[in-house]
Amino acid sequence: LISAHGRHAHYVHNLLADPRVRVGVADGGRL
């Protein structure tokens, strides 16, 4: 993932607080 605003991006703040994430990727029209 490339963050446009680095440490200023809200999702970067969130993953620094809790690095456990989920990623939804399209597969056959569904995530």
Full PDB file with SEQRES, HELIX, SHEET, SSBOND, CRYST1, ORIGX, SCALE, CONECT and MASTER records, all heavy atoms in Angstrom:
SEQRES   1 A   31  LEU ILE SER ALA HIS GLY ARG HIS ALA HIS TYR VAL HIS          
SEQRES   2 A   31  ASN LEU LEU ALA ASP PRO ARG VAL ARG VAL GLY VAL ALA          
SEQRES   3 A   31  ASP GLY GLY ARG LEU                                          
HELIX    1 AA1 GLY A    6  HIS A    8  5                                   3    
HELIX    2 AA2 HIS A   10  ALA A   17  1                                   8    
CRYST1    1.000    1.000    1.000  90.00  90.00  90.00 P 1           1          
ORIGX1      1.000000  0.000000  0.000000        0.00000                         
ORIGX2      0.000000  1.000000  0.000000        0.00000                         
ORIGX3      0.000000  0.000000  1.000000        0.00000                         
SCALE1      1.000000  0.000000  0.000000        0.00000                         
SCALE2      0.000000  1.000000  0.000000        0.00000                         
SCALE3      0.000000  0.000000  1.000000        0.00000                         
ATOM      1  N   LEU A   1       0.849  -1.174   0.000  1.00  0.00           N  
ATOM      2  CA  LEU A   1       0.000   0.000   0.000  1.00  0.00           C  
ATOM      3  C   LEU A   1       0.892   1.233   0.000  1.00  0.00           C  
ATOM      4  O   LEU A   1       1.889   1.278   0.728  1.00  0.00           O  
ATOM      5  CB  LEU A   1      -0.856  -0.053   1.265  1.00  0.00           C  
ATOM      6  CG  LEU A   1      -1.746   1.084   1.640  1.00  0.00           C  
ATOM      7  CD1 LEU A   1      -2.787   1.327   0.572  1.00  0.00           C  
ATOM      8  CD2 LEU A   1      -2.441   0.751   2.947  1.00  0.00           C  
ATOM      9  N   ILE A   2       0.561   2.223  -0.819  1.00  0.00           N  
ATOM     10  CA  ILE A   2       1.294   3.487  -0.834  1.00  0.00           C  
ATOM     11  C   ILE A   2       0.380   4.548  -0.243  1.00  0.00           C  
ATOM     12  O   ILE A   2      -0.679   4.850  -0.787  1.00  0.00           O  
ATOM     13  CB  ILE A   2       1.728   3.893  -2.265  1.00  0.00           C  
ATOM     14  CG1 ILE A   2       2.481   2.760  -2.972  1.00  0.00           C  
ATOM     15  CG2 ILE A   2       2.554   5.186  -2.209  1.00  0.00           C  
ATOM     16  CD1 ILE A   2       3.768   2.334  -2.323  1.00  0.00           C  
ATOM     17  N   SER A   3       0.793   5.110   0.875  1.00  0.00           N  
ATOM     18  CA  SER A   3       0.022   6.163   1.531  1.00  0.00           C  
ATOM     19  C   SER A   3       0.468   7.513   0.983  1.00  0.00           C  
ATOM     20  O   SER A   3       1.654   7.832   0.994  1.00  0.00           O  
ATOM     21  CB  SER A   3       0.264   6.111   3.048  1.00  0.00           C  
ATOM     22  OG  SER A   3      -0.250   7.271   3.660  1.00  0.00           O  
ATOM     23  N   ALA A   4      -0.486   8.310   0.522  1.00  0.00           N  
ATOM     24  CA  ALA A   4      -0.168   9.623  -0.046  1.00  0.00           C  
ATOM     25  C   ALA A   4       0.321  10.608   1.013  1.00  0.00           C  
ATOM     26  O   ALA A   4       1.098  11.505   0.719  1.00  0.00           O  
ATOM     27  CB  ALA A   4      -1.377  10.210  -0.756  1.00  0.00           C  
ATOM     28  N   HIS A   5      -0.129  10.424   2.253  1.00  0.00           N  
ATOM     29  CA  HIS A   5       0.198  11.393   3.295  1.00  0.00           C  
ATOM     30  C   HIS A   5       0.994  10.785   4.447  1.00  0.00           C  
ATOM     31  O   HIS A   5       1.082  11.374   5.528  1.00  0.00           O  
ATOM     32  CB  HIS A   5      -1.076  12.056   3.817  1.00  0.00           C  
ATOM     33  CG  HIS A   5      -1.876  12.691   2.726  1.00  0.00           C  
ATOM     34  ND1 HIS A   5      -1.385  13.712   1.945  1.00  0.00           N  
ATOM     35  CD2 HIS A   5      -3.111  12.424   2.248  1.00  0.00           C  
ATOM     36  CE1 HIS A   5      -2.299  14.055   1.052  1.00  0.00           C  
ATOM     37  NE2 HIS A   5      -3.349  13.281   1.212  1.00  0.00           N  
ATOM     38  N   GLY A   6       1.553   9.615   4.227  1.00  0.00           N  
ATOM     39  CA  GLY A   6       2.441   9.000   5.212  1.00  0.00           C  
ATOM     40  C   GLY A   6       1.872   8.961   6.609  1.00  0.00           C  
ATOM     41  O   GLY A   6       0.728   8.568   6.814  1.00  0.00           O  
ATOM     42  N   ARG A   7       2.649   9.408   7.558  1.00  0.00           N  
ATOM     43  CA  ARG A   7       2.241   9.341   8.966  1.00  0.00           C  
ATOM     44  C   ARG A   7       1.076  10.270   9.277  1.00  0.00           C  
ATOM     45  O   ARG A   7       0.523  10.213  10.359  1.00  0.00           O  
ATOM     46  CB  ARG A   7       3.426   9.607   9.881  1.00  0.00           C  
ATOM     47  CG  ARG A   7       4.005  10.996   9.804  1.00  0.00           C  
ATOM     48  CD  ARG A   7       5.259  11.159  10.660  1.00  0.00           C  
ATOM     49  NE  ARG A   7       6.416  10.614   9.969  1.00  0.00           N  
ATOM     50  CZ  ARG A   7       7.113   9.566  10.396  1.00  0.00           C  
ATOM     51  NH1 ARG A   7       6.831   8.982  11.509  1.00  0.00           N  
ATOM     52  NH2 ARG A   7       8.138   9.124   9.712  1.00  0.00           N  
ATOM     53  N   HIS A   8       0.672  11.108   8.324  1.00  0.00           N  
ATOM     54  CA  HIS A   8      -0.470  12.003   8.531  1.00  0.00           C  
ATOM     55  C   HIS A   8      -1.792  11.390   8.075  1.00  0.00           C  
ATOM     56  O   HIS A   8      -2.844  11.969   8.311  1.00  0.00           O  
ATOM     57  CB  HIS A   8      -0.247  13.333   7.807  1.00  0.00           C  
ATOM     58  CG  HIS A   8       0.957  14.063   8.306  1.00  0.00           C  
ATOM     59  ND1 HIS A   8       0.996  14.696   9.524  1.00  0.00           N  
ATOM     60  CD2 HIS A   8       2.179  14.234   7.758  1.00  0.00           C  
ATOM     61  CE1 HIS A   8       2.179  15.245   9.699  1.00  0.00           C  
ATOM     62  NE2 HIS A   8       2.920  14.974   8.637  1.00  0.00           N  
ATOM     63  N   ALA A   9      -1.756  10.255   7.385  1.00  0.00           N  
ATOM     64  CA  ALA A   9      -2.984   9.594   6.929  1.00  0.00           C  
ATOM     65  C   ALA A   9      -3.700   8.975   8.125  1.00  0.00           C  
ATOM     66  O   ALA A   9      -3.078   8.352   8.983  1.00  0.00           O  
ATOM     67  CB  ALA A   9      -2.652   8.519   5.898  1.00  0.00           C  
ATOM     68  N   HIS A  10      -5.007   9.128   8.176  1.00  0.00           N  
ATOM     69  CA  HIS A  10      -5.767   8.599   9.306  1.00  0.00           C  
ATOM     70  C   HIS A  10      -5.637   7.087   9.416  1.00  0.00           C  
ATOM     71  O   HIS A  10      -5.521   6.553  10.519  1.00  0.00           O  
ATOM     72  CB  HIS A  10      -7.237   9.018   9.203  1.00  0.00           C  
ATOM     73  CG  HIS A  10      -7.433  10.476   9.424  1.00  0.00           C  
ATOM     74  ND1 HIS A  10      -7.334  11.058  10.660  1.00  0.00           N  
ATOM     75  CD2 HIS A  10      -7.694  11.481   8.562  1.00  0.00           C  
ATOM     76  CE1 HIS A  10      -7.545  12.355  10.560  1.00  0.00           C  
ATOM     77  NE2 HIS A  10      -7.756  12.645   9.283  1.00  0.00           N  
ATOM     78  N   TYR A  11      -5.660   6.377   8.280  1.00  0.00           N  
ATOM     79  CA  TYR A  11      -5.543   4.921   8.382  1.00  0.00           C  
ATOM     80  C   TYR A  11      -4.157   4.505   8.859  1.00  0.00           C  
ATOM     81  O   TYR A  11      -4.011   3.459   9.494  1.00  0.00           O  
ATOM     82  CB  TYR A  11      -5.961   4.200   7.095  1.00  0.00           C  
ATOM     83  CG  TYR A  11      -5.103   4.423   5.878  1.00  0.00           C  
ATOM     84  CD1 TYR A  11      -3.932   3.724   5.682  1.00  0.00           C  
ATOM     85  CD2 TYR A  11      -5.489   5.325   4.896  1.00  0.00           C  
ATOM     86  CE1 TYR A  11      -3.159   3.906   4.558  1.00  0.00           C  
ATOM     87  CE2 TYR A  11      -4.740   5.508   3.766  1.00  0.00           C  
ATOM     88  CZ  TYR A  11      -3.572   4.803   3.597  1.00  0.00           C  
ATOM     89  OH  TYR A  11      -2.809   4.998   2.472  1.00  0.00           O  
ATOM     90  N   VAL A  12      -3.141   5.313   8.621  1.00  0.00           N  
ATOM     91  CA  VAL A  12      -1.812   5.007   9.160  1.00  0.00           C  
ATOM     92  C   VAL A  12      -1.815   5.201  10.677  1.00  0.00           C  
ATOM     93  O   VAL A  12      -1.279   4.369  11.409  1.00  0.00           O  
ATOM     94  CB  VAL A  12      -0.708   5.844   8.472  1.00  0.00           C  
ATOM     95  CG1 VAL A  12       0.637   5.658   9.163  1.00  0.00           C  
ATOM     96  CG2 VAL A  12      -0.599   5.456   7.000  1.00  0.00           C  
ATOM     97  N   HIS A  13      -2.469   6.256  11.165  1.00  0.00           N  
ATOM     98  CA  HIS A  13      -2.618   6.425  12.617  1.00  0.00           C  
ATOM     99  C   HIS A  13      -3.302   5.191  13.206  1.00  0.00           C  
ATOM    100  O   HIS A  13      -2.887   4.680  14.252  1.00  0.00           O  
ATOM    101  CB  HIS A  13      -3.484   7.660  12.941  1.00  0.00           C  
ATOM    102  CG  HIS A  13      -2.818   8.960  12.711  1.00  0.00           C  
ATOM    103  ND1 HIS A  13      -2.169   9.656  13.694  1.00  0.00           N  
ATOM    104  CD2 HIS A  13      -2.720   9.711  11.587  1.00  0.00           C  
ATOM    105  CE1 HIS A  13      -1.701  10.780  13.196  1.00  0.00           C  
ATOM    106  NE2 HIS A  13      -2.013  10.832  11.912  1.00  0.00           N  
ATOM    107  N   ASN A  14      -4.361   4.728  12.543  1.00  0.00           N  
ATOM    108  CA  ASN A  14      -5.104   3.573  13.044  1.00  0.00           C  
ATOM    109  C   ASN A  14      -4.262   2.312  13.062  1.00  0.00           C  
ATOM    110  O   ASN A  14      -4.265   1.569  14.048  1.00  0.00           O  
ATOM    111  CB  ASN A  14      -6.367   3.341  12.212  1.00  0.00           C  
ATOM    112  CG  ASN A  14      -7.408   4.413  12.414  1.00  0.00           C  
ATOM    113  OD1 ASN A  14      -7.384   5.156  13.396  1.00  0.00           O  
ATOM    114  ND2 ASN A  14      -8.331   4.513  11.472  1.00  0.00           N  
ATOM    115  N   LEU A  15      -3.508   2.050  11.994  1.00  0.00           N  
ATOM    116  CA  LEU A  15      -2.734   0.809  11.976  1.00  0.00           C  
ATOM    117  C   LEU A  15      -1.499   0.886  12.867  1.00  0.00           C  
ATOM    118  O   LEU A  15      -0.993  -0.143  13.303  1.00  0.00           O  
ATOM    119  CB  LEU A  15      -2.402   0.370  10.548  1.00  0.00           C  
ATOM    120  CG  LEU A  15      -1.498   1.212   9.662  1.00  0.00           C  
ATOM    121  CD1 LEU A  15      -0.040   0.956   9.926  1.00  0.00           C  
ATOM    122  CD2 LEU A  15      -1.826   0.898   8.217  1.00  0.00           C  
ATOM    123  N   LEU A  16      -1.036   2.086  13.189  1.00  0.00           N  
ATOM    124  CA  LEU A  16       0.036   2.195  14.178  1.00  0.00           C  
ATOM    125  C   LEU A  16      -0.493   1.849  15.569  1.00  0.00           C  
ATOM    126  O   LEU A  16       0.214   1.252  16.382  1.00  0.00           O  
ATOM    127  CB  LEU A  16       0.640   3.599  14.179  1.00  0.00           C  
ATOM    128  CG  LEU A  16       1.514   3.940  12.979  1.00  0.00           C  
ATOM    129  CD1 LEU A  16       1.896   5.423  12.986  1.00  0.00           C  
ATOM    130  CD2 LEU A  16       2.757   3.063  12.939  1.00  0.00           C  
ATOM    131  N   ALA A  17      -1.758   2.207  15.845  1.00  0.00           N  
ATOM    132  CA  ALA A  17      -2.374   1.886  17.129  1.00  0.00           C  
ATOM    133  C   ALA A  17      -2.721   0.401  17.218  1.00  0.00           C  
ATOM    134  O   ALA A  17      -2.629  -0.209  18.279  1.00  0.00           O  
ATOM    135  CB  ALA A  17      -3.618   2.734  17.344  1.00  0.00           C  
ATOM    136  N   ASP A  18      -3.149  -0.186  16.095  1.00  0.00           N  
ATOM    137  CA  ASP A  18      -3.500  -1.612  16.035  1.00  0.00           C  
ATOM    138  C   ASP A  18      -3.156  -2.113  14.646  1.00  0.00           C  
ATOM    139  O   ASP A  18      -3.894  -1.860  13.691  1.00  0.00           O  
ATOM    140  CB  ASP A  18      -4.986  -1.817  16.323  1.00  0.00           C  
ATOM    141  CG  ASP A  18      -5.381  -3.290  16.331  1.00  0.00           C  
ATOM    142  OD1 ASP A  18      -4.538  -4.166  16.029  1.00  0.00           O  
ATOM    143  OD2 ASP A  18      -6.552  -3.563  16.637  1.00  0.00           O  
ATOM    144  N   PRO A  19      -2.027  -2.812  14.488  1.00  0.00           N  
ATOM    145  CA  PRO A  19      -1.573  -3.229  13.156  1.00  0.00           C  
ATOM    146  C   PRO A  19      -2.379  -4.360  12.522  1.00  0.00           C  
ATOM    147  O   PRO A  19      -2.174  -4.689  11.366  1.00  0.00           O  
ATOM    148  CB  PRO A  19      -0.124  -3.656  13.386  1.00  0.00           C  
ATOM    149  CG  PRO A  19      -0.053  -4.009  14.824  1.00  0.00           C  
ATOM    150  CD  PRO A  19      -1.059  -3.155  15.528  1.00  0.00           C  
ATOM    151  N   ARG A  20      -3.322  -4.946  13.268  1.00  0.00           N  
ATOM    152  CA  ARG A  20      -4.154  -6.005  12.683  1.00  0.00           C  
ATOM    153  C   ARG A  20      -5.186  -5.356  11.764  1.00  0.00           C  
ATOM    154  O   ARG A  20      -5.949  -4.494  12.186  1.00  0.00           O  
ATOM    155  CB  ARG A  20      -4.857  -6.814  13.772  1.00  0.00           C  
ATOM    156  CG  ARG A  20      -3.862  -7.599  14.628  1.00  0.00           C  
ATOM    157  CD  ARG A  20      -4.546  -8.198  15.809  1.00  0.00           C  
ATOM    158  NE  ARG A  20      -5.107  -7.080  16.601  1.00  0.00           N  
ATOM    159  CZ  ARG A  20      -5.923  -7.240  17.613  1.00  0.00           C  
ATOM    160  NH1 ARG A  20      -6.325  -8.426  17.973  1.00  0.00           N  
ATOM    161  NH2 ARG A  20      -6.382  -6.196  18.272  1.00  0.00           N  
ATOM    162  N   VAL A  21      -5.181  -5.772  10.496  1.00  0.00           N  
ATOM    163  CA  VAL A  21      -6.076  -5.190   9.489  1.00  0.00           C  
ATOM    164  C   VAL A  21      -6.724  -6.309   8.687  1.00  0.00           C  
ATOM    165  O   VAL A  21      -6.335  -7.479   8.789  1.00  0.00           O  
ATOM    166  CB  VAL A  21      -5.307  -4.242   8.536  1.00  0.00           C  
ATOM    167  CG1 VAL A  21      -4.677  -3.083   9.289  1.00  0.00           C  
ATOM    168  CG2 VAL A  21      -4.253  -4.986   7.726  1.00  0.00           C  
ATOM    169  N   ARG A  22      -7.709  -5.899   7.889  1.00  0.00           N  
ATOM    170  CA  ARG A  22      -8.291  -6.781   6.874  1.00  0.00           C  
ATOM    171  C   ARG A  22      -8.196  -6.050   5.550  1.00  0.00           C  
ATOM    172  O   ARG A  22      -8.302  -4.823   5.500  1.00  0.00           O  
ATOM    173  CB  ARG A  22      -9.762  -7.090   7.155  1.00  0.00           C  
ATOM    174  CG  ARG A  22      -9.982  -8.023   8.285  1.00  0.00           C  
ATOM    175  CD  ARG A  22     -11.397  -8.608   8.370  1.00  0.00           C  
ATOM    176  NE  ARG A  22     -12.460  -7.758   7.916  1.00  0.00           N  
ATOM    177  CZ  ARG A  22     -13.636  -8.206   7.458  1.00  0.00           C  
ATOM    178  NH1 ARG A  22     -13.876  -9.498   7.402  1.00  0.00           N  
ATOM    179  NH2 ARG A  22     -14.582  -7.369   7.075  1.00  0.00           N  
ATOM    180  N   VAL A  23      -8.013  -6.825   4.476  1.00  0.00           N  
ATOM    181  CA  VAL A  23      -7.963  -6.254   3.135  1.00  0.00           C  
ATOM    182  C   VAL A  23      -8.979  -7.010   2.295  1.00  0.00           C  
ATOM    183  O   VAL A  23      -8.942  -8.238   2.220  1.00  0.00           O  
ATOM    184  CB  VAL A  23      -6.558  -6.389   2.512  1.00  0.00           C  
ATOM    185  CG1 VAL A  23      -6.545  -5.814   1.109  1.00  0.00           C  
ATOM    186  CG2 VAL A  23      -5.506  -5.715   3.375  1.00  0.00           C  
ATOM    187  N   GLY A  24      -9.899  -6.253   1.684  1.00  0.00           N  
ATOM    188  CA  GLY A  24     -10.885  -6.846   0.792  1.00  0.00           C  
ATOM    189  C   GLY A  24     -10.442  -6.667  -0.645  1.00  0.00           C  
ATOM    190  O   GLY A  24     -10.254  -5.546  -1.101  1.00  0.00           O  
ATOM    191  N   VAL A  25     -10.248  -7.782  -1.344  1.00  0.00           N  
ATOM    192  CA  VAL A  25      -9.771  -7.764  -2.732  1.00  0.00           C  
ATOM    193  C   VAL A  25     -10.842  -8.403  -3.620  1.00  0.00           C  
ATOM    194  O   VAL A  25     -11.383  -9.460  -3.278  1.00  0.00           O  
ATOM    195  CB  VAL A  25      -8.437  -8.544  -2.861  1.00  0.00           C  
ATOM    196  CG1 VAL A  25      -7.948  -8.561  -4.296  1.00  0.00           C  
ATOM    197  CG2 VAL A  25      -7.387  -7.942  -1.948  1.00  0.00           C  
ATOM    198  N   ALA A  26     -11.152  -7.757  -4.744  1.00  0.00           N  
ATOM    199  CA  ALA A  26     -12.161  -8.280  -5.671  1.00  0.00           C  
ATOM    200  C   ALA A  26     -11.712  -9.612  -6.246  1.00  0.00           C  
ATOM    201  O   ALA A  26     -10.570  -9.777  -6.664  1.00  0.00           O  
ATOM    202  CB  ALA A  26     -12.404  -7.279  -6.796  1.00  0.00           C  
ATOM    203  N   ASP A  27     -12.647 -10.574  -6.243  1.00  0.00           N  
ATOM    204  CA  ASP A  27     -12.392 -11.894  -6.806  1.00  0.00           C  
ATOM    205  C   ASP A  27     -13.710 -12.395  -7.392  1.00  0.00           C  
ATOM    206  O   ASP A  27     -14.622 -12.735  -6.637  1.00  0.00           O  
ATOM    207  CB  ASP A  27     -11.876 -12.846  -5.728  1.00  0.00           C  
ATOM    208  CG  ASP A  27     -11.515 -14.217  -6.281  1.00  0.00           C  
ATOM    209  OD1 ASP A  27     -11.323 -14.338  -7.503  1.00  0.00           O  
ATOM    210  OD2 ASP A  27     -11.427 -15.168  -5.478  1.00  0.00           O  
ATOM    211  N   GLY A  28     -13.827 -12.357  -8.706  1.00  0.00           N  
ATOM    212  CA  GLY A  28     -15.041 -12.810  -9.360  1.00  0.00           C  
ATOM    213  C   GLY A  28     -16.262 -11.960  -9.042  1.00  0.00           C  
ATOM    214  O   GLY A  28     -17.351 -12.489  -8.872  1.00  0.00           O  
ATOM    215  N   GLY A  29     -16.073 -10.648  -8.918  1.00  0.00           N  
ATOM    216  CA  GLY A  29     -17.184  -9.754  -8.646  1.00  0.00           C  
ATOM    217  C   GLY A  29     -17.560  -9.634  -7.175  1.00  0.00           C  
ATOM    218  O   GLY A  29     -18.471  -8.899  -6.824  1.00  0.00           O  
ATOM    219  N   ARG A  30     -16.863 -10.354  -6.298  1.00  0.00           N  
ATOM    220  CA  ARG A  30     -17.113 -10.277  -4.856  1.00  0.00           C  
ATOM    221  C   ARG A  30     -15.801  -9.981  -4.153  1.00  0.00           C  
ATOM    222  O   ARG A  30     -14.729 -10.257  -4.673  1.00  0.00           O  
ATOM    223  CB  ARG A  30     -17.654 -11.614  -4.334  1.00  0.00           C  
ATOM    224  CG  ARG A  30     -18.970 -12.008  -4.989  1.00  0.00           C  
ATOM    225  CD  ARG A  30     -19.529 -13.270  -4.406  1.00  0.00           C  
ATOM    226  NE  ARG A  30     -19.763 -13.071  -2.987  1.00  0.00           N  
ATOM    227  CZ  ARG A  30     -19.725 -14.033  -2.087  1.00  0.00           C  
ATOM    228  NH1 ARG A  30     -19.468 -15.261  -2.452  1.00  0.00           N  
ATOM    229  NH2 ARG A  30     -19.956 -13.784  -0.814  1.00  0.00           N  
ATOM    230  N   LEU A  31     -15.899  -9.431  -2.938  1.00  0.00           N  
ATOM    231  CA  LEU A  31     -14.689  -9.174  -2.160  1.00  0.00           C  
ATOM    232  C   LEU A  31     -14.277 -10.412  -1.382  1.00  0.00           C  
ATOM    233  O   LEU A  31     -15.109 -11.051  -0.747  1.00  0.00           O  
ATOM    234  CB  LEU A  31     -14.903  -8.030  -1.166  1.00  0.00           C  
ATOM    235  CG  LEU A  31     -14.855  -6.615  -1.710  1.00  0.00           C  
ATOM    236  CD1 LEU A  31     -14.866  -5.616  -0.573  1.00  0.00           C  
ATOM    237  CD2 LEU A  31     -13.655  -6.380  -2.586  1.00  0.00           C  
TER     238      LEU A  31                                                      
MASTER        0    0    0    2    0    0    0    6  237    1    0    3          
END                                                                             
